[in-house]
């Protein structure tokens, strides 16, 4: 996988490898191409994914302000559309920070595990 060219979007193979390593202890994740990138699912609910600008995490609307206080984290926005509530983006420049990625993934799993399976 990695470096998928769909539309004009691509993601860094190194980020894909980091995210897969982060997710490994949590078991199997399904995956699907979304948002011009690659999204990962657990029990049918989107948890995280990759786009050309970095890694996104579905942390939920309640946890989003806490997540956005972390360095390099911003609201997830598609083009000129408004931000998608409850999803945050860890930009490429901060994505190499293991503790931040780990914190965001833990928040995303906690949130998505609270949802009913799809």
PDB file of N, CA and C in Angstrom:
ATOM      1  N   UNK A   1       0.844  -1.180   0.000  1.00  0.00           N
ATOM      2  CA  UNK A   1       0.000   0.000   0.000  1.00  0.00           C
ATOM      3  C   UNK A   1       0.888   1.242   0.000  1.00  0.00           C
ATOM      4  N   UNK A   2       0.322   2.389   0.326  1.00  0.00           N
ATOM      5  CA  UNK A   2       1.066   3.635   0.427  1.00  0.00           C
ATOM      6  C   UNK A   2       1.223   4.312  -0.909  1.00  0.00           C
ATOM      7  N   UNK A   3       1.427   5.609  -0.844  1.00  0.00           N
ATOM      8  CA  UNK A   3       1.620   6.408  -2.044  1.00  0.00           C
ATOM      9  C   UNK A   3       0.520   6.178  -3.073  1.00  0.00           C
ATOM     10  N   UNK A   4      -0.690   5.906  -2.601  1.00  0.00           N
ATOM     11  CA  UNK A   4      -1.807   5.693  -3.511  1.00  0.00           C
ATOM     12  C   UNK A   4      -2.130   6.978  -4.231  1.00  0.00           C
ATOM     13  N   UNK A   5      -2.280   6.904  -5.513  1.00  0.00           N
ATOM     14  CA  UNK A   5      -2.600   8.079  -6.307  1.00  0.00           C
ATOM     15  C   UNK A   5      -4.068   8.016  -6.715  1.00  0.00           C
ATOM     16  N   UNK A   6      -4.906   8.668  -5.975  1.00  0.00           N
ATOM     17  CA  UNK A   6      -6.321   8.771  -6.299  1.00  0.00           C
ATOM     18  C   UNK A   6      -6.646  10.237  -6.300  1.00  0.00           C
ATOM     19  N   UNK A   7      -7.316  10.740  -7.303  1.00  0.00           N
ATOM     20  CA  UNK A   7      -7.463  12.173  -7.503  1.00  0.00           C
ATOM     21  C   UNK A   7      -6.044  12.733  -7.561  1.00  0.00           C
ATOM     22  N   UNK A   8      -5.817  13.844  -6.853  1.00  0.00           N
ATOM     23  CA  UNK A   8      -4.461  14.390  -6.804  1.00  0.00           C
ATOM     24  C   UNK A   8      -3.834  14.101  -5.448  1.00  0.00           C
ATOM     25  N   UNK A   9      -4.468  13.232  -4.673  1.00  0.00           N
ATOM     26  CA  UNK A   9      -4.030  12.977  -3.307  1.00  0.00           C
ATOM     27  C   UNK A   9      -3.068  11.794  -3.241  1.00  0.00           C
ATOM     28  N   UNK A  10      -2.195  11.843  -2.271  1.00  0.00           N
ATOM     29  CA  UNK A  10      -1.309  10.724  -1.955  1.00  0.00           C
ATOM     30  C   UNK A  10      -0.915  10.885  -0.501  1.00  0.00           C
ATOM     31  N   UNK A  11      -0.535   9.807   0.125  1.00  0.00           N
ATOM     32  CA  UNK A  11      -0.047   9.904   1.498  1.00  0.00           C
ATOM     33  C   UNK A  11       1.327   9.293   1.554  1.00  0.00           C
ATOM     34  N   UNK A  12       2.034   9.627   2.600  1.00  0.00           N
ATOM     35  CA  UNK A  12       3.391   9.146   2.769  1.00  0.00           C
ATOM     36  C   UNK A  12       3.390   7.698   3.251  1.00  0.00           C
ATOM     37  N   UNK A  13       4.153   6.864   2.592  1.00  0.00           N
ATOM     38  CA  UNK A  13       4.243   5.457   2.982  1.00  0.00           C
ATOM     39  C   UNK A  13       4.783   5.323   4.406  1.00  0.00           C
ATOM     40  N   UNK A  14       5.672   6.228   4.805  1.00  0.00           N
ATOM     41  CA  UNK A  14       6.220   6.185   6.153  1.00  0.00           C
ATOM     42  C   UNK A  14       5.148   6.414   7.214  1.00  0.00           C
ATOM     43  N   UNK A  15       4.196   7.304   6.926  1.00  0.00           N
ATOM     44  CA  UNK A  15       3.098   7.540   7.867  1.00  0.00           C
ATOM     45  C   UNK A  15       2.182   6.325   7.944  1.00  0.00           C
ATOM     46  N   UNK A  16       1.972   5.686   6.814  1.00  0.00           N
ATOM     47  CA  UNK A  16       1.149   4.478   6.811  1.00  0.00           C
ATOM     48  C   UNK A  16       1.788   3.405   7.688  1.00  0.00           C
ATOM     49  N   UNK A  17       3.088   3.256   7.563  1.00  0.00           N
ATOM     50  CA  UNK A  17       3.806   2.266   8.363  1.00  0.00           C
ATOM     51  C   UNK A  17       3.702   2.589   9.851  1.00  0.00           C
ATOM     52  N   UNK A  18       3.875   3.871  10.216  1.00  0.00           N
ATOM     53  CA  UNK A  18       3.768   4.273  11.620  1.00  0.00           C
ATOM     54  C   UNK A  18       2.370   4.000  12.169  1.00  0.00           C
ATOM     55  N   UNK A  19       1.342   4.364  11.405  1.00  0.00           N
ATOM     56  CA  UNK A  19      -0.032   4.163  11.862  1.00  0.00           C
ATOM     57  C   UNK A  19      -0.344   2.679  12.012  1.00  0.00           C
ATOM     58  N   UNK A  20       0.093   1.864  11.059  1.00  0.00           N
ATOM     59  CA  UNK A  20      -0.133   0.419  11.166  1.00  0.00           C
ATOM     60  C   UNK A  20       0.564  -0.159  12.409  1.00  0.00           C
ATOM     61  N   UNK A  21       1.770   0.307  12.688  1.00  0.00           N
ATOM     62  CA  UNK A  21       2.487  -0.146  13.887  1.00  0.00           C
ATOM     63  C   UNK A  21       1.742   0.278  15.149  1.00  0.00           C
ATOM     64  N   UNK A  22       1.224   1.505  15.155  1.00  0.00           N
ATOM     65  CA  UNK A  22       0.469   1.995  16.309  1.00  0.00           C
ATOM     66  C   UNK A  22      -0.791   1.155  16.537  1.00  0.00           C
ATOM     67  N   UNK A  23      -1.439   0.732  15.468  1.00  0.00           N
ATOM     68  CA  UNK A  23      -2.703   0.003  15.573  1.00  0.00           C
ATOM     69  C   UNK A  23      -2.513  -1.479  15.889  1.00  0.00           C
ATOM     70  N   UNK A  24      -1.351  -2.020  15.598  1.00  0.00           N
ATOM     71  CA  UNK A  24      -1.099  -3.453  15.738  1.00  0.00           C
ATOM     72  C   UNK A  24      -1.520  -4.044  17.093  1.00  0.00           C
ATOM     73  N   UNK A  25      -1.207  -3.405  18.227  1.00  0.00           N
ATOM     74  CA  UNK A  25      -1.598  -3.997  19.514  1.00  0.00           C
ATOM     75  C   UNK A  25      -3.118  -4.089  19.726  1.00  0.00           C
ATOM     76  N   UNK A  26      -3.890  -3.359  18.927  1.00  0.00           N
ATOM     77  CA  UNK A  26      -5.338  -3.318  19.107  1.00  0.00           C
ATOM     78  C   UNK A  26      -6.087  -4.316  18.234  1.00  0.00           C
ATOM     79  N   UNK A  27      -5.374  -5.162  17.526  1.00  0.00           N
ATOM     80  CA  UNK A  27      -6.016  -6.184  16.715  1.00  0.00           C
ATOM     81  C   UNK A  27      -6.273  -5.724  15.290  1.00  0.00           C
ATOM     82  N   UNK A  28      -7.193  -6.423  14.651  1.00  0.00           N
ATOM     83  CA  UNK A  28      -7.467  -6.206  13.229  1.00  0.00           C
ATOM     84  C   UNK A  28      -8.284  -4.941  12.981  1.00  0.00           C
ATOM     85  N   UNK A  29      -7.919  -4.222  11.941  1.00  0.00           N
ATOM     86  CA  UNK A  29      -8.670  -3.065  11.462  1.00  0.00           C
ATOM     87  C   UNK A  29      -9.002  -3.310  10.003  1.00  0.00           C
ATOM     88  N   UNK A  30     -10.235  -3.032   9.617  1.00  0.00           N
ATOM     89  CA  UNK A  30     -10.588  -3.049   8.207  1.00  0.00           C
ATOM     90  C   UNK A  30     -10.086  -1.757   7.584  1.00  0.00           C
ATOM     91  N   UNK A  31      -9.992  -1.726   6.284  1.00  0.00           N
ATOM     92  CA  UNK A  31      -9.558  -0.497   5.630  1.00  0.00           C
ATOM     93  C   UNK A  31     -10.331  -0.259   4.350  1.00  0.00           C
ATOM     94  N   UNK A  32     -10.458   1.022   4.027  1.00  0.00           N
ATOM     95  CA  UNK A  32     -11.212   1.437   2.846  1.00  0.00           C
ATOM     96  C   UNK A  32     -10.673   2.782   2.379  1.00  0.00           C
ATOM     97  N   UNK A  33     -10.666   2.990   1.097  1.00  0.00           N
ATOM     98  CA  UNK A  33     -10.244   4.285   0.548  1.00  0.00           C
ATOM     99  C   UNK A  33     -11.369   5.294   0.750  1.00  0.00           C
ATOM    100  N   UNK A  34     -11.016   6.406   1.386  1.00  0.00           N
ATOM    101  CA  UNK A  34     -11.972   7.478   1.676  1.00  0.00           C
ATOM    102  C   UNK A  34     -11.228   8.803   1.716  1.00  0.00           C
ATOM    103  N   UNK A  35     -11.941   9.889   1.478  1.00  0.00           N
ATOM    104  CA  UNK A  35     -11.388  11.242   1.596  1.00  0.00           C
ATOM    105  C   UNK A  35     -10.134  11.413   0.748  1.00  0.00           C
ATOM    106  N   UNK A  36     -10.002  10.663  -0.333  1.00  0.00           N
ATOM    107  CA  UNK A  36      -8.789  10.735  -1.136  1.00  0.00           C
ATOM    108  C   UNK A  36      -7.601  10.084  -0.450  1.00  0.00           C
ATOM    109  N   UNK A  37      -7.868   9.268   0.543  1.00  0.00           N
ATOM    110  CA  UNK A  37      -6.808   8.612   1.293  1.00  0.00           C
ATOM    111  C   UNK A  37      -7.216   7.208   1.692  1.00  0.00           C
ATOM    112  N   UNK A  38      -6.786   6.778   2.847  1.00  0.00           N
ATOM    113  CA  UNK A  38      -7.045   5.434   3.339  1.00  0.00           C
ATOM    114  C   UNK A  38      -7.564   5.542   4.765  1.00  0.00           C
ATOM    115  N   UNK A  39      -8.740   4.964   5.036  1.00  0.00           N
ATOM    116  CA  UNK A  39      -9.333   5.001   6.369  1.00  0.00           C
ATOM    117  C   UNK A  39      -9.317   3.605   6.977  1.00  0.00           C
ATOM    118  N   UNK A  40      -9.162   3.549   8.301  1.00  0.00           N
ATOM    119  CA  UNK A  40      -9.133   2.292   9.041  1.00  0.00           C
ATOM    120  C   UNK A  40     -10.359   2.200   9.940  1.00  0.00           C
ATOM    121  N   UNK A  41     -10.963   1.013   9.981  1.00  0.00           N
ATOM    122  CA  UNK A  41     -12.213   0.787  10.696  1.00  0.00           C
ATOM    123  C   UNK A  41     -12.067  -0.319  11.719  1.00  0.00           C
ATOM    124  N   UNK A  42     -12.838  -0.194  12.786  1.00  0.00           N
ATOM    125  CA  UNK A  42     -12.896  -1.191  13.841  1.00  0.00           C
ATOM    126  C   UNK A  42     -14.376  -1.404  14.130  1.00  0.00           C
ATOM    127  N   UNK A  43     -14.849  -2.624  14.050  1.00  0.00           N
ATOM    128  CA  UNK A  43     -16.261  -2.959  14.220  1.00  0.00           C
ATOM    129  C   UNK A  43     -17.152  -2.097  13.328  1.00  0.00           C
ATOM    130  N   UNK A  44     -16.640  -1.773  12.142  1.00  0.00           N
ATOM    131  CA  UNK A  44     -17.405  -1.002  11.164  1.00  0.00           C
ATOM    132  C   UNK A  44     -17.365   0.500  11.354  1.00  0.00           C
ATOM    133  N   UNK A  45     -16.722   0.986  12.406  1.00  0.00           N
ATOM    134  CA  UNK A  45     -16.636   2.417  12.677  1.00  0.00           C
ATOM    135  C   UNK A  45     -15.250   2.947  12.324  1.00  0.00           C
ATOM    136  N   UNK A  46     -15.230   4.072  11.595  1.00  0.00           N
ATOM    137  CA  UNK A  46     -13.956   4.667  11.215  1.00  0.00           C
ATOM    138  C   UNK A  46     -13.223   5.163  12.458  1.00  0.00           C
ATOM    139  N   UNK A  47     -11.944   4.805  12.557  1.00  0.00           N
ATOM    140  CA  UNK A  47     -11.100   5.179  13.691  1.00  0.00           C
ATOM    141  C   UNK A  47     -10.075   6.236  13.286  1.00  0.00           C
ATOM    142  N   UNK A  48      -9.373   5.996  12.199  1.00  0.00           N
ATOM    143  CA  UNK A  48      -8.265   6.865  11.793  1.00  0.00           C
ATOM    144  C   UNK A  48      -8.002   6.656  10.309  1.00  0.00           C
ATOM    145  N   UNK A  49      -7.101   7.464   9.769  1.00  0.00           N
ATOM    146  CA  UNK A  49      -6.752   7.289   8.366  1.00  0.00           C
ATOM    147  C   UNK A  49      -5.645   8.222   7.928  1.00  0.00           C
ATOM    148  N   UNK A  50      -5.324   8.115   6.667  1.00  0.00           N
ATOM    149  CA  UNK A  50      -4.232   8.870   6.064  1.00  0.00           C
ATOM    150  C   UNK A  50      -4.742   9.682   4.889  1.00  0.00           C
ATOM    151  N   UNK A  51      -4.283  10.918   4.814  1.00  0.00           N
ATOM    152  CA  UNK A  51      -4.517  11.747   3.633  1.00  0.00           C
ATOM    153  C   UNK A  51      -3.194  12.437   3.313  1.00  0.00           C
ATOM    154  N   UNK A  52      -3.183  13.236   2.289  1.00  0.00           N
ATOM    155  CA  UNK A  52      -1.925  13.860   1.864  1.00  0.00           C
ATOM    156  C   UNK A  52      -1.343  14.798   2.908  1.00  0.00           C
ATOM    157  N   UNK A  53      -2.164  15.318   3.808  1.00  0.00           N
ATOM    158  CA  UNK A  53      -1.677  16.292   4.795  1.00  0.00           C
ATOM    159  C   UNK A  53      -1.308  15.671   6.128  1.00  0.00           C
ATOM    160  N   UNK A  54      -1.529  14.364   6.307  1.00  0.00           N
ATOM    161  CA  UNK A  54      -1.169  13.740   7.571  1.00  0.00           C
ATOM    162  C   UNK A  54      -2.102  12.601   7.947  1.00  0.00           C
ATOM    163  N   UNK A  55      -2.252  12.389   9.259  1.00  0.00           N
ATOM    164  CA  UNK A  55      -3.074  11.306   9.797  1.00  0.00           C
ATOM    165  C   UNK A  55      -4.292  11.926  10.471  1.00  0.00           C
ATOM    166  N   UNK A  56      -5.491  11.393  10.167  1.00  0.00           N
ATOM    167  CA  UNK A  56      -6.672  11.889  10.864  1.00  0.00           C
ATOM    168  C   UNK A  56      -7.170  10.836  11.839  1.00  0.00           C
ATOM    169  N   UNK A  57      -7.793  11.329  12.915  1.00  0.00           N
ATOM    170  CA  UNK A  57      -8.303  10.476  13.983  1.00  0.00           C
ATOM    171  C   UNK A  57      -9.723  10.909  14.322  1.00  0.00           C
ATOM    172  N   UNK A  58     -10.605   9.946  14.506  1.00  0.00           N
ATOM    173  CA  UNK A  58     -11.983  10.226  14.896  1.00  0.00           C
ATOM    174  C   UNK A  58     -12.071  10.111  16.423  1.00  0.00           C
ATOM    175  N   UNK A  59     -11.922  11.236  17.087  1.00  0.00           N
ATOM    176  CA  UNK A  59     -11.875  11.248  18.545  1.00  0.00           C
ATOM    177  C   UNK A  59     -13.214  11.590  19.184  1.00  0.00           C
ATOM    178  N   UNK A  60     -14.175  12.043  18.385  1.00  0.00           N
ATOM    179  CA  UNK A  60     -15.474  12.452  18.907  1.00  0.00           C
ATOM    180  C   UNK A  60     -15.486  13.939  19.231  1.00  0.00           C
ATOM    181  N   UNK A  61     -16.673  14.523  19.185  1.00  0.00           N
ATOM    182  CA  UNK A  61     -16.797  15.973  19.390  1.00  0.00           C
ATOM    183  C   UNK A  61     -16.394  16.405  20.800  1.00  0.00           C
ATOM    184  N   UNK A  62     -16.653  15.589  21.793  1.00  0.00           N
ATOM    185  CA  UNK A  62     -16.314  15.955  23.170  1.00  0.00           C
ATOM    186  C   UNK A  62     -14.807  16.015  23.372  1.00  0.00           C
ATOM    187  N   UNK A  63     -14.064  15.077  22.810  1.00  0.00           N
ATOM    188  CA  UNK A  63     -12.611  15.014  22.999  1.00  0.00           C
ATOM    189  C   UNK A  63     -11.833  15.885  22.020  1.00  0.00           C
ATOM    190  N   UNK A  64     -12.482  16.383  20.970  1.00  0.00           N
ATOM    191  CA  UNK A  64     -11.769  17.147  19.940  1.00  0.00           C
ATOM    192  C   UNK A  64     -11.014  18.359  20.493  1.00  0.00           C
ATOM    193  N   UNK A  65     -11.597  19.169  21.391  1.00  0.00           N
ATOM    194  CA  UNK A  65     -10.829  20.320  21.902  1.00  0.00           C
ATOM    195  C   UNK A  65      -9.555  19.906  22.642  1.00  0.00           C
ATOM    196  N   UNK A  66      -9.602  18.817  23.389  1.00  0.00           N
ATOM    197  CA  UNK A  66      -8.419  18.316  24.096  1.00  0.00           C
ATOM    198  C   UNK A  66      -7.381  17.851  23.081  1.00  0.00           C
ATOM    199  N   UNK A  67      -7.835  17.121  22.069  1.00  0.00           N
ATOM    200  CA  UNK A  67      -6.924  16.630  21.033  1.00  0.00           C
ATOM    201  C   UNK A  67      -6.273  17.792  20.283  1.00  0.00           C
ATOM    202  N   UNK A  68      -7.065  18.843  19.995  1.00  0.00           N
ATOM    203  CA  UNK A  68      -6.523  19.974  19.234  1.00  0.00           C
ATOM    204  C   UNK A  68      -5.550  20.817  20.044  1.00  0.00           C
ATOM    205  N   UNK A  69      -5.486  20.606  21.353  1.00  0.00           N
ATOM    206  CA  UNK A  69      -4.501  21.308  22.176  1.00  0.00           C
ATOM    207  C   UNK A  69      -3.109  20.692  22.031  1.00  0.00           C
ATOM    208  N   UNK A  70      -3.029  19.501  21.451  1.00  0.00           N
ATOM    209  CA  UNK A  70      -1.736  18.848  21.239  1.00  0.00           C
ATOM    210  C   UNK A  70      -1.005  19.520  20.078  1.00  0.00           C
ATOM    211  N   UNK A  71       0.329  19.578  20.139  1.00  0.00           N
ATOM    212  CA  UNK A  71       1.103  20.202  19.059  1.00  0.00           C
ATOM    213  C   UNK A  71       0.865  19.512  17.713  1.00  0.00           C
ATOM    214  N   UNK A  72       0.635  20.315  16.681  1.00  0.00           N
ATOM    215  CA  UNK A  72       0.482  19.789  15.324  1.00  0.00           C
ATOM    216  C   UNK A  72      -0.899  19.262  14.985  1.00  0.00           C
ATOM    217  N   UNK A  73      -1.868  19.393  15.908  1.00  0.00           N
ATOM    218  CA  UNK A  73      -3.219  18.870  15.690  1.00  0.00           C
ATOM    219  C   UNK A  73      -4.158  20.025  15.349  1.00  0.00           C
ATOM    220  N   UNK A  74      -4.983  19.823  14.329  1.00  0.00           N
ATOM    221  CA  UNK A  74      -5.944  20.837  13.896  1.00  0.00           C
ATOM    222  C   UNK A  74      -7.257  20.154  13.521  1.00  0.00           C
ATOM    223  N   UNK A  75      -8.309  20.938  13.295  1.00  0.00           N
ATOM    224  CA  UNK A  75      -9.563  20.325  12.850  1.00  0.00           C
ATOM    225  C   UNK A  75      -9.358  19.665  11.488  1.00  0.00           C
ATOM    226  N   UNK A  76     -10.063  18.584  11.248  1.00  0.00           N
ATOM    227  CA  UNK A  76      -9.994  17.897   9.952  1.00  0.00           C
ATOM    228  C   UNK A  76     -10.971  18.584   9.021  1.00  0.00           C
ATOM    229  N   UNK A  77     -10.461  19.082   7.921  1.00  0.00           N
ATOM    230  CA  UNK A  77     -11.275  19.826   6.973  1.00  0.00           C
ATOM    231  C   UNK A  77     -11.015  19.305   5.575  1.00  0.00           C
ATOM    232  N   UNK A  78     -12.089  19.114   4.835  1.00  0.00           N
ATOM    233  CA  UNK A  78     -11.975  18.664   3.446  1.00  0.00           C
ATOM    234  C   UNK A  78     -12.103  19.872   2.533  1.00  0.00           C
ATOM    235  N   UNK A  79     -11.037  20.219   1.834  1.00  0.00           N
ATOM    236  CA  UNK A  79     -11.065  21.350   0.912  1.00  0.00           C
ATOM    237  C   UNK A  79     -11.515  22.619   1.600  1.00  0.00           C
ATOM    238  N   UNK A  80     -12.497  23.301   0.996  1.00  0.00           N
ATOM    239  CA  UNK A  80     -13.001  24.538   1.585  1.00  0.00           C
ATOM    240  C   UNK A  80     -14.239  24.296   2.435  1.00  0.00           C
ATOM    241  N   UNK A  81     -14.605  23.021   2.595  1.00  0.00           N
ATOM    242  CA  UNK A  81     -15.756  22.696   3.432  1.00  0.00           C
ATOM    243  C   UNK A  81     -15.438  23.007   4.885  1.00  0.00           C
ATOM    244  N   UNK A  82     -16.477  23.057   5.685  1.00  0.00           N
ATOM    245  CA  UNK A  82     -16.254  23.278   7.120  1.00  0.00           C
ATOM    246  C   UNK A  82     -15.601  22.035   7.724  1.00  0.00           C
ATOM    247  N   UNK A  83     -15.064  22.215   8.904  1.00  0.00           N
ATOM    248  CA  UNK A  83     -14.405  21.103   9.587  1.00  0.00           C
ATOM    249  C   UNK A  83     -15.418  20.003   9.890  1.00  0.00           C
ATOM    250  N   UNK A  84     -14.971  18.757   9.819  1.00  0.00           N
ATOM    251  CA  UNK A  84     -15.810  17.619  10.168  1.00  0.00           C
ATOM    252  C   UNK A  84     -15.721  17.420  11.675  1.00  0.00           C
ATOM    253  N   UNK A  85     -16.819  17.574  12.366  1.00  0.00           N
ATOM    254  CA  UNK A  85     -16.841  17.504  13.823  1.00  0.00           C
ATOM    255  C   UNK A  85     -16.347  16.161  14.349  1.00  0.00           C
ATOM    256  N   UNK A  86     -15.535  16.229  15.376  1.00  0.00           N
ATOM    257  CA  UNK A  86     -15.067  15.018  16.032  1.00  0.00           C
ATOM    258  C   UNK A  86     -13.896  14.334  15.372  1.00  0.00           C
ATOM    259  N   UNK A  87     -13.401  14.894  14.269  1.00  0.00           N
ATOM    260  CA  UNK A  87     -12.244  14.319  13.578  1.00  0.00           C
ATOM    261  C   UNK A  87     -11.140  15.370  13.569  1.00  0.00           C
ATOM    262  N   UNK A  88      -9.941  14.964  13.961  1.00  0.00           N
ATOM    263  CA  UNK A  88      -8.810  15.889  13.993  1.00  0.00           C
ATOM    264  C   UNK A  88      -7.710  15.385  13.070  1.00  0.00           C
ATOM    265  N   UNK A  89      -6.848  16.307  12.662  1.00  0.00           N
ATOM    266  CA  UNK A  89      -5.750  15.992  11.748  1.00  0.00           C
ATOM    267  C   UNK A  89      -4.422  16.240  12.448  1.00  0.00           C
ATOM    268  N   UNK A  90      -3.565  15.248  12.429  1.00  0.00           N
ATOM    269  CA  UNK A  90      -2.187  15.389  12.892  1.00  0.00           C
ATOM    270  C   UNK A  90      -1.350  15.627  11.645  1.00  0.00           C
ATOM    271  N   UNK A  91      -0.846  16.840  11.495  1.00  0.00           N
ATOM    272  CA  UNK A  91      -0.104  17.217  10.302  1.00  0.00           C
ATOM    273  C   UNK A  91       1.188  16.432  10.134  1.00  0.00           C
ATOM    274  N   UNK A  92       1.633  16.349   8.888  1.00  0.00           N
ATOM    275  CA  UNK A  92       2.857  15.616   8.547  1.00  0.00           C
ATOM    276  C   UNK A  92       4.035  15.958   9.446  1.00  0.00           C
ATOM    277  N   UNK A  93       4.205  17.260   9.724  1.00  0.00           N
ATOM    278  CA  UNK A  93       5.375  17.696  10.489  1.00  0.00           C
ATOM    279  C   UNK A  93       5.373  17.180  11.923  1.00  0.00           C
ATOM    280  N   UNK A  94       4.191  16.911  12.502  1.00  0.00           N
ATOM    281  CA  UNK A  94       4.104  16.423  13.883  1.00  0.00           C
ATOM    282  C   UNK A  94       3.846  14.920  13.956  1.00  0.00           C
ATOM    283  N   UNK A  95       3.588  14.290  12.814  1.00  0.00           N
ATOM    284  CA  UNK A  95       3.184  12.877  12.805  1.00  0.00           C
ATOM    285  C   UNK A  95       4.292  11.921  13.251  1.00  0.00           C
ATOM    286  N   UNK A  96       5.514  12.372  13.290  1.00  0.00           N
ATOM    287  CA  UNK A  96       6.604  11.527  13.753  1.00  0.00           C
ATOM    288  C   UNK A  96       6.697  11.439  15.270  1.00  0.00           C
ATOM    289  N   UNK A  97       5.854  12.178  15.989  1.00  0.00           N
ATOM    290  CA  UNK A  97       5.873  12.196  17.447  1.00  0.00           C
ATOM    291  C   UNK A  97       5.073  11.005  17.986  1.00  0.00           C
ATOM    292  N   UNK A  98       5.782   9.972  18.441  1.00  0.00           N
ATOM    293  CA  UNK A  98       5.127   8.739  18.909  1.00  0.00           C
ATOM    294  C   UNK A  98       4.110   8.974  20.016  1.00  0.00           C
ATOM    295  N   UNK A  99       4.433   9.756  21.070  1.00  0.00           N
ATOM    296  CA  UNK A  99       3.447   9.953  22.139  1.00  0.00           C
ATOM    297  C   UNK A  99       2.166  10.647  21.655  1.00  0.00           C
ATOM    298  N   UNK A 100       2.283  11.622  20.774  1.00  0.00           N
ATOM    299  CA  UNK A 100       1.084  12.310  20.274  1.00  0.00           C
ATOM    300  C   UNK A 100       0.238  11.345  19.447  1.00  0.00           C
ATOM    301  N   UNK A 101       0.873  10.590  18.548  1.00  0.00           N
ATOM    302  CA  UNK A 101       0.119   9.605  17.751  1.00  0.00           C
ATOM    303  C   UNK A 101      -0.564   8.595  18.662  1.00  0.00           C
ATOM    304  N   UNK A 102       0.172   8.123  19.661  1.00  0.00           N
ATOM    305  CA  UNK A 102      -0.388   7.138  20.580  1.00  0.00           C
ATOM    306  C   UNK A 102      -1.577   7.682  21.347  1.00  0.00           C
ATOM    307  N   UNK A 103      -1.471   8.928  21.806  1.00  0.00           N
ATOM    308  CA  UNK A 103      -2.565   9.569  22.535  1.00  0.00           C
ATOM    309  C   UNK A 103      -3.793   9.717  21.635  1.00  0.00           C
ATOM    310  N   UNK A 104      -3.588  10.198  20.423  1.00  0.00           N
ATOM    311  CA  UNK A 104      -4.717  10.389  19.506  1.00  0.00           C
ATOM    312  C   UNK A 104      -5.375   9.060  19.138  1.00  0.00           C
ATOM    313  N   UNK A 105      -4.574   8.030  18.901  1.00  0.00           N
ATOM    314  CA  UNK A 105      -5.143   6.732  18.577  1.00  0.00           C
ATOM    315  C   UNK A 105      -5.934   6.177  19.765  1.00  0.00           C
ATOM    316  N   UNK A 106      -5.409   6.326  20.968  1.00  0.00           N
ATOM    317  CA  UNK A 106      -6.130   5.854  22.159  1.00  0.00           C
ATOM    318  C   UNK A 106      -7.463   6.585  22.297  1.00  0.00           C
ATOM    319  N   UNK A 107      -7.464   7.899  22.066  1.00  0.00           N
ATOM    320  CA  UNK A 107      -8.712   8.665  22.123  1.00  0.00           C
ATOM    321  C   UNK A 107      -9.693   8.175  21.059  1.00  0.00           C
ATOM    322  N   UNK A 108      -9.193   7.935  19.851  1.00  0.00           N
ATOM    323  CA  UNK A 108     -10.060   7.493  18.748  1.00  0.00           C
ATOM    324  C   UNK A 108     -10.639   6.110  19.030  1.00  0.00           C
ATOM    325  N   UNK A 109      -9.842   5.207  19.540  1.00  0.00           N
ATOM    326  CA  UNK A 109     -10.336   3.861  19.845  1.00  0.00           C
ATOM    327  C   UNK A 109     -11.347   3.915  20.990  1.00  0.00           C
ATOM    328  N   UNK A 110     -11.054   4.715  22.001  1.00  0.00           N
ATOM    329  CA  UNK A 110     -11.989   4.866  23.120  1.00  0.00           C
ATOM    330  C   UNK A 110     -13.343   5.369  22.605  1.00  0.00           C
ATOM    331  N   UNK A 111     -13.308   6.375  21.728  1.00  0.00           N
ATOM    332  CA  UNK A 111     -14.553   6.928  21.188  1.00  0.00           C
ATOM    333  C   UNK A 111     -15.271   5.902  20.307  1.00  0.00           C
ATOM    334  N   UNK A 112     -14.583   5.329  19.344  1.00  0.00           N
ATOM    335  CA  UNK A 112     -15.258   4.430  18.406  1.00  0.00           C
ATOM    336  C   UNK A 112     -15.708   3.134  19.072  1.00  0.00           C
ATOM    337  N   UNK A 113     -15.001   2.677  20.102  1.00  0.00           N
ATOM    338  CA  UNK A 113     -15.446   1.487  20.829  1.00  0.00           C
ATOM    339  C   UNK A 113     -16.730   1.753  21.626  1.00  0.00           C
ATOM    340  N   UNK A 114     -17.022   3.048  21.871  1.00  0.00           N
ATOM    341  CA  UNK A 114     -18.257   3.395  22.579  1.00  0.00           C
ATOM    342  C   UNK A 114     -19.471   3.404  21.646  1.00  0.00           C
ATOM    343  N   UNK A 115     -19.215   3.307  20.342  1.00  0.00           N
ATOM    344  CA  UNK A 115     -20.299   3.322  19.353  1.00  0.00           C
ATOM    345  C   UNK A 115     -20.788   1.900  19.082  1.00  0.00           C
ATOM    346  N   UNK A 116     -22.045   1.760  18.681  1.00  0.00           N
ATOM    347  CA  UNK A 116     -22.506   0.413  18.323  1.00  0.00           C
ATOM    348  C   UNK A 116     -21.806  -0.071  17.059  1.00  0.00           C
ATOM    349  N   UNK A 117     -21.501  -1.366  16.969  1.00  0.00           N
ATOM    350  CA  UNK A 117     -20.881  -1.899  15.745  1.00  0.00           C
ATOM    351  C   UNK A 117     -21.801  -1.691  14.552  1.00  0.00           C
ATOM    352  N   UNK A 118     -21.195  -1.509  13.391  1.00  0.00           N
ATOM    353  CA  UNK A 118     -21.976  -1.339  12.153  1.00  0.00           C
ATOM    354  C   UNK A 118     -21.908  -2.611  11.344  1.00  0.00           C
TER     355      UNK A 118
END
